[in-house]
Structure formats: structure tokens, C-alpha cells
Amino acid sequence: MITATYDRIWRIVRRIPRGRVATYGQIARMARVGPRQVGYALHNVPHGMELPWHRVINSQGRISLPRAGGYDRQKALLLKEGIRFNREKVDLQKYQWRIRVSYGSAQP
């Protein structure tokens, strides 16, 4: 079921550039929802929708998916985009998406 909230979250995630990551909290602030709602929205992406879901990680720079539940796939997709890991963490100072905000442009 697509909700307006999920649609808003998906529109933001689509904007994350290749070779960059965003945190659940960062997306949540932009969508004006809680971080868990971002996770729920990513979990409920309709089959066939192209979305760079793999570019969303947690605030510690880690992949939140369990090893048996997509961790390796997400890591492989990030590595393919040139994002490097150090001790299973992404350097957010280097790779985090920094959106330029001007009045009225923070909306997806």
C-alpha cells in the first residue's frame, strides 16, 4: 500500500546521488517523519520500482540490514559506486550526501 508518507520518502531517496549515502535520520528530517518510518518505507518498496535504497545507512555509518537479510547485497552495491568501508563503517564525513538547502528547496 502506497501512502503519501512513503511516496515522500521515496522521492527523497531517489535524489541521493551515486557515490553518496544518507542516514535514516537525515531522510526522516527531510520527510518530517521518524527514522523508523523511513525503514518501513524502504522495506515496502513496490516490486519493480527503481530506488537507490542501498544508499540509506544508519547514523553510525553502518548498514542496518542483517548479514542474512541483504547486508552483503547492500555493501556490494555501495562498493560498486565507489563507497569504501573501514571496519564495516562508511566515513560519513566523506560520503554523506550534503544537500544544499535554500528557501523552499528542502521539500522533495
PDB file of N, CA and C in Angstrom:
ATOM      1  N   MET A   1       0.842  -1.179   0.000  1.00  0.00           N
ATOM      2  CA  MET A   1       0.000   0.000   0.000  1.00  0.00           C
ATOM      3  C   MET A   1       0.888   1.243   0.000  1.00  0.00           C
ATOM      4  N   ILE A   2       0.689   2.091  -0.971  1.00  0.00           N
ATOM      5  CA  ILE A   2       1.458   3.331  -1.056  1.00  0.00           C
ATOM      6  C   ILE A   2       0.725   4.420  -0.289  1.00  0.00           C
ATOM      7  N   THR A   3       1.452   5.057   0.604  1.00  0.00           N
ATOM      8  CA  THR A   3       0.877   6.173   1.336  1.00  0.00           C
ATOM      9  C   THR A   3       1.594   7.443   0.913  1.00  0.00           C
ATOM     10  N   ALA A   4       1.018   8.565   1.231  1.00  0.00           N
ATOM     11  CA  ALA A   4       1.654   9.845   0.914  1.00  0.00           C
ATOM     12  C   ALA A   4       3.009   9.954   1.616  1.00  0.00           C
ATOM     13  N   THR A   5       3.104   9.424   2.821  1.00  0.00           N
ATOM     14  CA  THR A   5       4.364   9.467   3.563  1.00  0.00           C
ATOM     15  C   THR A   5       5.427   8.637   2.865  1.00  0.00           C
ATOM     16  N   TYR A   6       5.087   7.419   2.474  1.00  0.00           N
ATOM     17  CA  TYR A   6       6.048   6.576   1.765  1.00  0.00           C
ATOM     18  C   TYR A   6       6.477   7.242   0.463  1.00  0.00           C
ATOM     19  N   ASP A   7       5.538   7.785  -0.256  1.00  0.00           N
ATOM     20  CA  ASP A   7       5.856   8.443  -1.521  1.00  0.00           C
ATOM     21  C   ASP A   7       6.825   9.600  -1.299  1.00  0.00           C
ATOM     22  N   ARG A   8       6.613  10.370  -0.247  1.00  0.00           N
ATOM     23  CA  ARG A   8       7.510  11.492   0.076  1.00  0.00           C
ATOM     24  C   ARG A   8       8.918  10.976   0.377  1.00  0.00           C
ATOM     25  N   ILE A   9       9.003   9.905   1.152  1.00  0.00           N
ATOM     26  CA  ILE A   9      10.297   9.308   1.493  1.00  0.00           C
ATOM     27  C   ILE A   9      10.987   8.798   0.226  1.00  0.00           C
ATOM     28  N   TRP A  10      10.262   8.096  -0.621  1.00  0.00           N
ATOM     29  CA  TRP A  10      10.849   7.548  -1.845  1.00  0.00           C
ATOM     30  C   TRP A  10      11.363   8.659  -2.765  1.00  0.00           C
ATOM     31  N   ARG A  11      10.630   9.772  -2.834  1.00  0.00           N
ATOM     32  CA  ARG A  11      11.088  10.897  -3.669  1.00  0.00           C
ATOM     33  C   ARG A  11      12.417  11.454  -3.149  1.00  0.00           C
ATOM     34  N   ILE A  12      12.598  11.499  -1.862  1.00  0.00           N
ATOM     35  CA  ILE A  12      13.854  11.978  -1.284  1.00  0.00           C
ATOM     36  C   ILE A  12      14.973  10.979  -1.565  1.00  0.00           C
ATOM     37  N   VAL A  13      14.725   9.703  -1.338  1.00  0.00           N
ATOM     38  CA  VAL A  13      15.744   8.683  -1.555  1.00  0.00           C
ATOM     39  C   VAL A  13      16.204   8.687  -3.013  1.00  0.00           C
ATOM     40  N   ARG A  14      15.296   8.918  -3.940  1.00  0.00           N
ATOM     41  CA  ARG A  14      15.667   8.979  -5.366  1.00  0.00           C
ATOM     42  C   ARG A  14      16.684  10.080  -5.648  1.00  0.00           C
ATOM     43  N   ARG A  15      16.731  11.080  -4.815  1.00  0.00           N
ATOM     44  CA  ARG A  15      17.632  12.224  -5.034  1.00  0.00           C
ATOM     45  C   ARG A  15      19.053  11.993  -4.528  1.00  0.00           C
ATOM     46  N   ILE A  16      19.284  10.932  -3.759  1.00  0.00           N
ATOM     47  CA  ILE A  16      20.623  10.676  -3.236  1.00  0.00           C
ATOM     48  C   ILE A  16      21.534  10.353  -4.417  1.00  0.00           C
ATOM     49  N   PRO A  17      22.576  11.135  -4.626  1.00  0.00           N
ATOM     50  CA  PRO A  17      23.443  10.908  -5.788  1.00  0.00           C
ATOM     51  C   PRO A  17      24.265   9.622  -5.680  1.00  0.00           C
ATOM     52  N   ARG A  18      24.610   9.093  -6.807  1.00  0.00           N
ATOM     53  CA  ARG A  18      25.501   7.935  -6.890  1.00  0.00           C
ATOM     54  C   ARG A  18      26.806   8.286  -6.168  1.00  0.00           C
ATOM     55  N   GLY A  19      27.324   7.340  -5.380  1.00  0.00           N
ATOM     56  CA  GLY A  19      28.564   7.569  -4.659  1.00  0.00           C
ATOM     57  C   GLY A  19      28.396   8.326  -3.353  1.00  0.00           C
ATOM     58  N   ARG A  20      27.151   8.531  -2.943  1.00  0.00           N
ATOM     59  CA  ARG A  20      26.837   9.205  -1.670  1.00  0.00           C
ATOM     60  C   ARG A  20      25.866   8.351  -0.876  1.00  0.00           C
ATOM     61  N   VAL A  21      25.823   8.574   0.420  1.00  0.00           N
ATOM     62  CA  VAL A  21      24.860   7.905   1.291  1.00  0.00           C
ATOM     63  C   VAL A  21      24.114   8.950   2.101  1.00  0.00           C
ATOM     64  N   ALA A  22      22.977   8.539   2.629  1.00  0.00           N
ATOM     65  CA  ALA A  22      22.211   9.360   3.563  1.00  0.00           C
ATOM     66  C   ALA A  22      21.819   8.462   4.723  1.00  0.00           C
ATOM     67  N   THR A  23      21.586   9.057   5.858  1.00  0.00           N
ATOM     68  CA  THR A  23      21.172   8.271   7.019  1.00  0.00           C
ATOM     69  C   THR A  23      19.646   8.246   7.113  1.00  0.00           C
ATOM     70  N   TYR A  24      19.156   7.244   7.834  1.00  0.00           N
ATOM     71  CA  TYR A  24      17.715   7.159   8.062  1.00  0.00           C
ATOM     72  C   TYR A  24      17.214   8.455   8.696  1.00  0.00           C
ATOM     73  N   GLY A  25      17.965   8.968   9.669  1.00  0.00           N
ATOM     74  CA  GLY A  25      17.561  10.195  10.347  1.00  0.00           C
ATOM     75  C   GLY A  25      17.557  11.404   9.427  1.00  0.00           C
ATOM     76  N   GLN A  26      18.523  11.474   8.546  1.00  0.00           N
ATOM     77  CA  GLN A  26      18.604  12.572   7.579  1.00  0.00           C
ATOM     78  C   GLN A  26      17.371  12.560   6.664  1.00  0.00           C
ATOM     79  N   ILE A  27      17.035  11.387   6.142  1.00  0.00           N
ATOM     80  CA  ILE A  27      15.859  11.265   5.289  1.00  0.00           C
ATOM     81  C   ILE A  27      14.601  11.586   6.098  1.00  0.00           C
ATOM     82  N   ALA A  28      14.550  11.116   7.336  1.00  0.00           N
ATOM     83  CA  ALA A  28      13.391  11.363   8.196  1.00  0.00           C
ATOM     84  C   ALA A  28      13.178  12.857   8.427  1.00  0.00           C
ATOM     85  N   ARG A  29      14.253  13.574   8.695  1.00  0.00           N
ATOM     86  CA  ARG A  29      14.120  15.027   8.906  1.00  0.00           C
ATOM     87  C   ARG A  29      13.592  15.709   7.657  1.00  0.00           C
ATOM     88  N   MET A  30      14.090  15.321   6.516  1.00  0.00           N
ATOM     89  CA  MET A  30      13.649  15.926   5.265  1.00  0.00           C
ATOM     90  C   MET A  30      12.179  15.613   4.973  1.00  0.00           C
ATOM     91  N   ALA A  31      11.749  14.400   5.334  1.00  0.00           N
ATOM     92  CA  ALA A  31      10.370  13.976   5.076  1.00  0.00           C
ATOM     93  C   ALA A  31       9.429  14.336   6.224  1.00  0.00           C
ATOM     94  N   ARG A  32      10.011  14.835   7.308  1.00  0.00           N
ATOM     95  CA  ARG A  32       9.243  15.191   8.507  1.00  0.00           C
ATOM     96  C   ARG A  32       8.505  13.994   9.092  1.00  0.00           C
ATOM     97  N   VAL A  33       9.266  12.897   9.233  1.00  0.00           N
ATOM     98  CA  VAL A  33       8.753  11.665   9.839  1.00  0.00           C
ATOM     99  C   VAL A  33       9.824  11.121  10.771  1.00  0.00           C
ATOM    100  N   GLY A  34       9.543  10.002  11.416  1.00  0.00           N
ATOM    101  CA  GLY A  34      10.527   9.347  12.261  1.00  0.00           C
ATOM    102  C   GLY A  34      11.414   8.417  11.441  1.00  0.00           C
ATOM    103  N   PRO A  35      12.638   8.159  11.926  1.00  0.00           N
ATOM    104  CA  PRO A  35      13.551   7.276  11.203  1.00  0.00           C
ATOM    105  C   PRO A  35      12.994   5.875  10.943  1.00  0.00           C
ATOM    106  N   ARG A  36      12.193   5.358  11.863  1.00  0.00           N
ATOM    107  CA  ARG A  36      11.614   4.033  11.647  1.00  0.00           C
ATOM    108  C   ARG A  36      10.681   4.024  10.439  1.00  0.00           C
ATOM    109  N   GLN A  37       9.983   5.131  10.226  1.00  0.00           N
ATOM    110  CA  GLN A  37       9.094   5.213   9.068  1.00  0.00           C
ATOM    111  C   GLN A  37       9.891   5.135   7.770  1.00  0.00           C
ATOM    112  N   VAL A  38      11.111   5.662   7.778  1.00  0.00           N
ATOM    113  CA  VAL A  38      11.973   5.558   6.607  1.00  0.00           C
ATOM    114  C   VAL A  38      12.295   4.083   6.361  1.00  0.00           C
ATOM    115  N   GLY A  39      12.636   3.373   7.417  1.00  0.00           N
ATOM    116  CA  GLY A  39      12.902   1.946   7.287  1.00  0.00           C
ATOM    117  C   GLY A  39      11.696   1.181   6.779  1.00  0.00           C
ATOM    118  N   TYR A  40      10.523   1.498   7.302  1.00  0.00           N
ATOM    119  CA  TYR A  40       9.302   0.829   6.843  1.00  0.00           C
ATOM    120  C   TYR A  40       9.055   1.119   5.363  1.00  0.00           C
ATOM    121  N   ALA A  41       9.258   2.378   4.954  1.00  0.00           N
ATOM    122  CA  ALA A  41       9.041   2.746   3.555  1.00  0.00           C
ATOM    123  C   ALA A  41       9.999   1.992   2.639  1.00  0.00           C
ATOM    124  N   LEU A  42      11.256   1.863   3.057  1.00  0.00           N
ATOM    125  CA  LEU A  42      12.226   1.145   2.231  1.00  0.00           C
ATOM    126  C   LEU A  42      11.916  -0.354   2.191  1.00  0.00           C
ATOM    127  N   HIS A  43      11.397  -0.863   3.273  1.00  0.00           N
ATOM    128  CA  HIS A  43      11.012  -2.279   3.323  1.00  0.00           C
ATOM    129  C   HIS A  43       9.813  -2.563   2.414  1.00  0.00           C
ATOM    130  N   ASN A  44       9.004  -1.554   2.174  1.00  0.00           N
ATOM    131  CA  ASN A  44       7.767  -1.720   1.409  1.00  0.00           C
ATOM    132  C   ASN A  44       7.812  -1.119   0.011  1.00  0.00           C
ATOM    133  N   VAL A  45       8.993  -1.013  -0.561  1.00  0.00           N
ATOM    134  CA  VAL A  45       9.110  -0.513  -1.933  1.00  0.00           C
ATOM    135  C   VAL A  45       8.422  -1.515  -2.857  1.00  0.00           C
ATOM    136  N   PRO A  46       7.504  -1.040  -3.694  1.00  0.00           N
ATOM    137  CA  PRO A  46       6.811  -1.961  -4.609  1.00  0.00           C
ATOM    138  C   PRO A  46       7.780  -2.640  -5.572  1.00  0.00           C
ATOM    139  N   HIS A  47       7.507  -3.893  -5.874  1.00  0.00           N
ATOM    140  CA  HIS A  47       8.312  -4.656  -6.825  1.00  0.00           C
ATOM    141  C   HIS A  47       8.375  -3.895  -8.151  1.00  0.00           C
ATOM    142  N   GLY A  48       9.573  -3.765  -8.678  1.00  0.00           N
ATOM    143  CA  GLY A  48       9.751  -3.088  -9.958  1.00  0.00           C
ATOM    144  C   GLY A  48      10.076  -1.612  -9.850  1.00  0.00           C
ATOM    145  N   MET A  49       9.888  -1.010  -8.671  1.00  0.00           N
ATOM    146  CA  MET A  49      10.224   0.404  -8.504  1.00  0.00           C
ATOM    147  C   MET A  49      11.731   0.536  -8.372  1.00  0.00           C
ATOM    148  N   GLU A  50      12.323   1.358  -9.211  1.00  0.00           N
ATOM    149  CA  GLU A  50      13.761   1.598  -9.119  1.00  0.00           C
ATOM    150  C   GLU A  50      14.018   2.674  -8.079  1.00  0.00           C
ATOM    151  N   LEU A  51      14.747   2.292  -7.055  1.00  0.00           N
ATOM    152  CA  LEU A  51      15.018   3.192  -5.949  1.00  0.00           C
ATOM    153  C   LEU A  51      16.394   2.855  -5.398  1.00  0.00           C
ATOM    154  N   PRO A  52      17.260   3.839  -5.207  1.00  0.00           N
ATOM    155  CA  PRO A  52      18.596   3.554  -4.665  1.00  0.00           C
ATOM    156  C   PRO A  52      18.569   3.346  -3.149  1.00  0.00           C
ATOM    157  N   TRP A  53      17.778   2.388  -2.706  1.00  0.00           N
ATOM    158  CA  TRP A  53      17.596   2.080  -1.295  1.00  0.00           C
ATOM    159  C   TRP A  53      18.914   1.791  -0.590  1.00  0.00           C
ATOM    160  N   HIS A  54      19.863   1.253  -1.346  1.00  0.00           N
ATOM    161  CA  HIS A  54      21.140   0.842  -0.763  1.00  0.00           C
ATOM    162  C   HIS A  54      21.960   2.030  -0.273  1.00  0.00           C
ATOM    163  N   ARG A  55      21.601   3.237  -0.661  1.00  0.00           N
ATOM    164  CA  ARG A  55      22.336   4.433  -0.251  1.00  0.00           C
ATOM    165  C   ARG A  55      21.901   4.964   1.113  1.00  0.00           C
ATOM    166  N   VAL A  56      20.973   4.281   1.763  1.00  0.00           N
ATOM    167  CA  VAL A  56      20.496   4.703   3.093  1.00  0.00           C
ATOM    168  C   VAL A  56      21.108   3.776   4.139  1.00  0.00           C
ATOM    169  N   ILE A  57      21.823   4.378   5.082  1.00  0.00           N
ATOM    170  CA  ILE A  57      22.504   3.633   6.145  1.00  0.00           C
ATOM    171  C   ILE A  57      22.193   4.286   7.493  1.00  0.00           C
ATOM    172  N   ASN A  58      22.688   3.700   8.565  1.00  0.00           N
ATOM    173  CA  ASN A  58      22.376   4.272   9.877  1.00  0.00           C
ATOM    174  C   ASN A  58      23.333   5.415  10.253  1.00  0.00           C
ATOM    175  N   SER A  59      23.041   6.057  11.346  1.00  0.00           N
ATOM    176  CA  SER A  59      23.781   7.258  11.750  1.00  0.00           C
ATOM    177  C   SER A  59      25.216   6.983  12.180  1.00  0.00           C
ATOM    178  N   GLN A  60      25.555   5.712  12.402  1.00  0.00           N
ATOM    179  CA  GLN A  60      26.934   5.352  12.725  1.00  0.00           C
ATOM    180  C   GLN A  60      27.734   5.024  11.465  1.00  0.00           C
ATOM    181  N   GLY A  61      27.090   5.135  10.301  1.00  0.00           N
ATOM    182  CA  GLY A  61      27.767   4.822   9.050  1.00  0.00           C
ATOM    183  C   GLY A  61      27.754   3.340   8.724  1.00  0.00           C
ATOM    184  N   ARG A  62      26.871   2.611   9.378  1.00  0.00           N
ATOM    185  CA  ARG A  62      26.810   1.160   9.181  1.00  0.00           C
ATOM    186  C   ARG A  62      25.543   0.756   8.421  1.00  0.00           C
ATOM    187  N   ILE A  63      25.626  -0.376   7.778  1.00  0.00           N
ATOM    188  CA  ILE A  63      24.468  -0.990   7.146  1.00  0.00           C
ATOM    189  C   ILE A  63      23.617  -1.612   8.245  1.00  0.00           C
ATOM    190  N   SER A  64      22.329  -1.356   8.223  1.00  0.00           N
ATOM    191  CA  SER A  64      21.443  -1.856   9.277  1.00  0.00           C
ATOM    192  C   SER A  64      20.879  -3.238   8.991  1.00  0.00           C
ATOM    193  N   LEU A  65      20.924  -3.672   7.751  1.00  0.00           N
ATOM    194  CA  LEU A  65      20.374  -4.979   7.411  1.00  0.00           C
ATOM    195  C   LEU A  65      21.212  -6.087   8.040  1.00  0.00           C
ATOM    196  N   PRO A  66      20.562  -7.185   8.444  1.00  0.00           N
ATOM    197  CA  PRO A  66      21.317  -8.314   8.992  1.00  0.00           C
ATOM    198  C   PRO A  66      22.112  -9.022   7.899  1.00  0.00           C
ATOM    199  N   ARG A  67      23.157  -9.705   8.299  1.00  0.00           N
ATOM    200  CA  ARG A  67      24.010 -10.436   7.347  1.00  0.00           C
ATOM    201  C   ARG A  67      23.193 -11.379   6.475  1.00  0.00           C
ATOM    202  N   ALA A  68      22.197 -12.023   7.060  1.00  0.00           N
ATOM    203  CA  ALA A  68      21.389 -12.979   6.300  1.00  0.00           C
ATOM    204  C   ALA A  68      20.209 -12.313   5.594  1.00  0.00           C
ATOM    205  N   GLY A  69      20.114 -11.000   5.696  1.00  0.00           N
ATOM    206  CA  GLY A  69      18.947 -10.319   5.146  1.00  0.00           C
ATOM    207  C   GLY A  69      19.253  -9.166   4.218  1.00  0.00           C
ATOM    208  N   GLY A  70      20.324  -9.252   3.463  1.00  0.00           N
ATOM    209  CA  GLY A  70      20.599  -8.213   2.485  1.00  0.00           C
ATOM    210  C   GLY A  70      21.851  -7.398   2.719  1.00  0.00           C
ATOM    211  N   TYR A  71      22.518  -7.620   3.830  1.00  0.00           N
ATOM    212  CA  TYR A  71      23.729  -6.858   4.157  1.00  0.00           C
ATOM    213  C   TYR A  71      24.751  -6.928   3.026  1.00  0.00           C
ATOM    214  N   ASP A  72      25.064  -8.141   2.578  1.00  0.00           N
ATOM    215  CA  ASP A  72      26.092  -8.320   1.547  1.00  0.00           C
ATOM    216  C   ASP A  72      25.706  -7.642   0.238  1.00  0.00           C
ATOM    217  N   ARG A  73      24.431  -7.725  -0.121  1.00  0.00           N
ATOM    218  CA  ARG A  73      23.966  -7.079  -1.356  1.00  0.00           C
ATOM    219  C   ARG A  73      24.109  -5.559  -1.259  1.00  0.00           C
ATOM    220  N   GLN A  74      23.687  -4.974  -0.130  1.00  0.00           N
ATOM    221  CA  GLN A  74      23.796  -3.533   0.039  1.00  0.00           C
ATOM    222  C   GLN A  74      25.254  -3.092   0.007  1.00  0.00           C
ATOM    223  N   LYS A  75      26.110  -3.825   0.696  1.00  0.00           N
ATOM    224  CA  LYS A  75      27.526  -3.465   0.718  1.00  0.00           C
ATOM    225  C   LYS A  75      28.124  -3.544  -0.686  1.00  0.00           C
ATOM    226  N   ALA A  76      27.787  -4.581  -1.428  1.00  0.00           N
ATOM    227  CA  ALA A  76      28.307  -4.738  -2.790  1.00  0.00           C
ATOM    228  C   ALA A  76      27.860  -3.582  -3.685  1.00  0.00           C
ATOM    229  N   LEU A  77      26.608  -3.157  -3.552  1.00  0.00           N
ATOM    230  CA  LEU A  77      26.105  -2.042  -4.359  1.00  0.00           C
ATOM    231  C   LEU A  77      26.832  -0.744  -4.005  1.00  0.00           C
ATOM    232  N   LEU A  78      27.085  -0.528  -2.725  1.00  0.00           N
ATOM    233  CA  LEU A  78      27.805   0.676  -2.307  1.00  0.00           C
ATOM    234  C   LEU A  78      29.255   0.640  -2.798  1.00  0.00           C
ATOM    235  N   LEU A  79      29.906  -0.506  -2.668  1.00  0.00           N
ATOM    236  CA  LEU A  79      31.283  -0.633  -3.153  1.00  0.00           C
ATOM    237  C   LEU A  79      31.362  -0.371  -4.657  1.00  0.00           C
ATOM    238  N   LYS A  80      30.376  -0.854  -5.393  1.00  0.00           N
ATOM    239  CA  LYS A  80      30.331  -0.656  -6.839  1.00  0.00           C
ATOM    240  C   LYS A  80      30.260   0.830  -7.200  1.00  0.00           C
ATOM    241  N   GLU A  81      29.680   1.632  -6.303  1.00  0.00           N
ATOM    242  CA  GLU A  81      29.573   3.072  -6.526  1.00  0.00           C
ATOM    243  C   GLU A  81      30.789   3.834  -6.014  1.00  0.00           C
ATOM    244  N   GLY A  82      31.764   3.108  -5.498  1.00  0.00           N
ATOM    245  CA  GLY A  82      32.986   3.749  -5.029  1.00  0.00           C
ATOM    246  C   GLY A  82      33.002   4.107  -3.561  1.00  0.00           C
ATOM    247  N   ILE A  83      31.982   3.712  -2.838  1.00  0.00           N
ATOM    248  CA  ILE A  83      31.928   3.981  -1.398  1.00  0.00           C
ATOM    249  C   ILE A  83      32.747   2.912  -0.691  1.00  0.00           C
ATOM    250  N   ARG A  84      33.695   3.343   0.123  1.00  0.00           N
ATOM    251  CA  ARG A  84      34.594   2.425   0.811  1.00  0.00           C
ATOM    252  C   ARG A  84      34.211   2.290   2.286  1.00  0.00           C
ATOM    253  N   PHE A  85      34.569   1.146   2.831  1.00  0.00           N
ATOM    254  CA  PHE A  85      34.282   0.824   4.225  1.00  0.00           C
ATOM    255  C   PHE A  85      35.592   0.682   4.986  1.00  0.00           C
ATOM    256  N   ASN A  86      35.562   1.084   6.243  1.00  0.00           N
ATOM    257  CA  ASN A  86      36.668   0.870   7.156  1.00  0.00           C
ATOM    258  C   ASN A  86      36.071   0.232   8.405  1.00  0.00           C
ATOM    259  N   ARG A  87      36.403  -1.022   8.631  1.00  0.00           N
ATOM    260  CA  ARG A  87      35.844  -1.771   9.765  1.00  0.00           C
ATOM    261  C   ARG A  87      34.323  -1.782   9.730  1.00  0.00           C
ATOM    262  N   GLU A  88      33.803  -2.054   8.544  1.00  0.00           N
ATOM    263  CA  GLU A  88      32.357  -2.177   8.307  1.00  0.00           C
ATOM    264  C   GLU A  88      31.601  -0.858   8.457  1.00  0.00           C
ATOM    265  N   LYS A  89      32.305   0.261   8.412  1.00  0.00           N
ATOM    266  CA  LYS A  89      31.668   1.571   8.512  1.00  0.00           C
ATOM    267  C   LYS A  89      32.026   2.423   7.303  1.00  0.00           C
ATOM    268  N   VAL A  90      31.077   3.265   6.914  1.00  0.00           N
ATOM    269  CA  VAL A  90      31.279   4.260   5.874  1.00  0.00           C
ATOM    270  C   VAL A  90      31.671   5.563   6.565  1.00  0.00           C
ATOM    271  N   ASP A  91      32.640   6.256   6.040  1.00  0.00           N
ATOM    272  CA  ASP A  91      33.050   7.554   6.570  1.00  0.00           C
ATOM    273  C   ASP A  91      32.006   8.588   6.141  1.00  0.00           C
ATOM    274  N   LEU A  92      31.129   8.962   7.061  1.00  0.00           N
ATOM    275  CA  LEU A  92      30.063   9.904   6.729  1.00  0.00           C
ATOM    276  C   LEU A  92      30.611  11.289   6.377  1.00  0.00           C
ATOM    277  N   GLN A  93      31.749  11.664   6.951  1.00  0.00           N
ATOM    278  CA  GLN A  93      32.346  12.954   6.605  1.00  0.00           C
ATOM    279  C   GLN A  93      32.697  12.996   5.120  1.00  0.00           C
ATOM    280  N   LYS A  94      33.062  11.866   4.579  1.00  0.00           N
ATOM    281  CA  LYS A  94      33.480  11.798   3.184  1.00  0.00           C
ATOM    282  C   LYS A  94      32.332  11.495   2.217  1.00  0.00           C
ATOM    283  N   TYR A  95      31.430  10.605   2.596  1.00  0.00           N
ATOM    284  CA  TYR A  95      30.435  10.088   1.659  1.00  0.00           C
ATOM    285  C   TYR A  95      28.997  10.544   1.883  1.00  0.00           C
ATOM    286  N   GLN A  96      28.717  11.225   2.995  1.00  0.00           N
ATOM    287  CA  GLN A  96      27.331  11.602   3.248  1.00  0.00           C
ATOM    288  C   GLN A  96      26.859  12.675   2.282  1.00  0.00           C
ATOM    289  N   TRP A  97      25.659  12.499   1.793  1.00  0.00           N
ATOM    290  CA  TRP A  97      25.007  13.453   0.897  1.00  0.00           C
ATOM    291  C   TRP A  97      24.760  14.742   1.653  1.00  0.00           C
ATOM    292  N   ARG A  98      25.283  15.804   1.137  1.00  0.00           N
ATOM    293  CA  ARG A  98      25.083  17.136   1.736  1.00  0.00           C
ATOM    294  C   ARG A  98      24.215  17.934   0.780  1.00  0.00           C
ATOM    295  N   ILE A  99      22.953  17.989   1.091  1.00  0.00           N
ATOM    296  CA  ILE A  99      22.030  18.706   0.221  1.00  0.00           C
ATOM    297  C   ILE A  99      22.126  20.196   0.500  1.00  0.00           C
ATOM    298  N   ARG A 100      22.183  20.955  -0.558  1.00  0.00           N
ATOM    299  CA  ARG A 100      22.183  22.413  -0.420  1.00  0.00           C
ATOM    300  C   ARG A 100      20.743  22.870  -0.301  1.00  0.00           C
ATOM    301  N   VAL A 101      20.458  23.549   0.788  1.00  0.00           N
ATOM    302  CA  VAL A 101      19.095  23.981   1.053  1.00  0.00           C
ATOM    303  C   VAL A 101      18.992  25.486   0.910  1.00  0.00           C
ATOM    304  N   SER A 102      18.074  25.903   0.091  1.00  0.00           N
ATOM    305  CA  SER A 102      17.726  27.312   0.029  1.00  0.00           C
ATOM    306  C   SER A 102      16.249  27.393   0.340  1.00  0.00           C
ATOM    307  N   TYR A 103      15.760  28.546   0.589  1.00  0.00           N
ATOM    308  CA  TYR A 103      14.363  28.685   1.000  1.00  0.00           C
ATOM    309  C   TYR A 103      13.440  27.955   0.037  1.00  0.00           C
ATOM    310  N   GLY A 104      12.677  27.028   0.591  1.00  0.00           N
ATOM    311  CA  GLY A 104      11.687  26.305  -0.190  1.00  0.00           C
ATOM    312  C   GLY A 104      12.215  25.083  -0.926  1.00  0.00           C
ATOM    313  N   SER A 105      13.521  24.845  -0.915  1.00  0.00           N
ATOM    314  CA  SER A 105      14.050  23.719  -1.695  1.00  0.00           C
ATOM    315  C   SER A 105      14.228  22.447  -0.880  1.00  0.00           C
ATOM    316  N   ALA A 106      13.948  22.473   0.397  1.00  0.00           N
ATOM    317  CA  ALA A 106      14.131  21.273   1.216  1.00  0.00           C
ATOM    318  C   ALA A 106      13.043  20.247   0.962  1.00  0.00           C
ATOM    319  N   GLN A 107      11.969  20.640   0.338  1.00  0.00           N
ATOM    320  CA  GLN A 107      10.906  19.703   0.029  1.00  0.00           C
ATOM    321  C   GLN A 107      11.301  18.827  -1.146  1.00  0.00           C
ATOM    322  N   PRO A 108      10.965  17.557  -1.087  1.00  0.00           N
ATOM    323  CA  PRO A 108      11.297  16.654  -2.200  1.00  0.00           C
ATOM    324  C   PRO A 108      10.490  16.959  -3.430  1.00  0.00           C
TER     325      PRO A 108
END
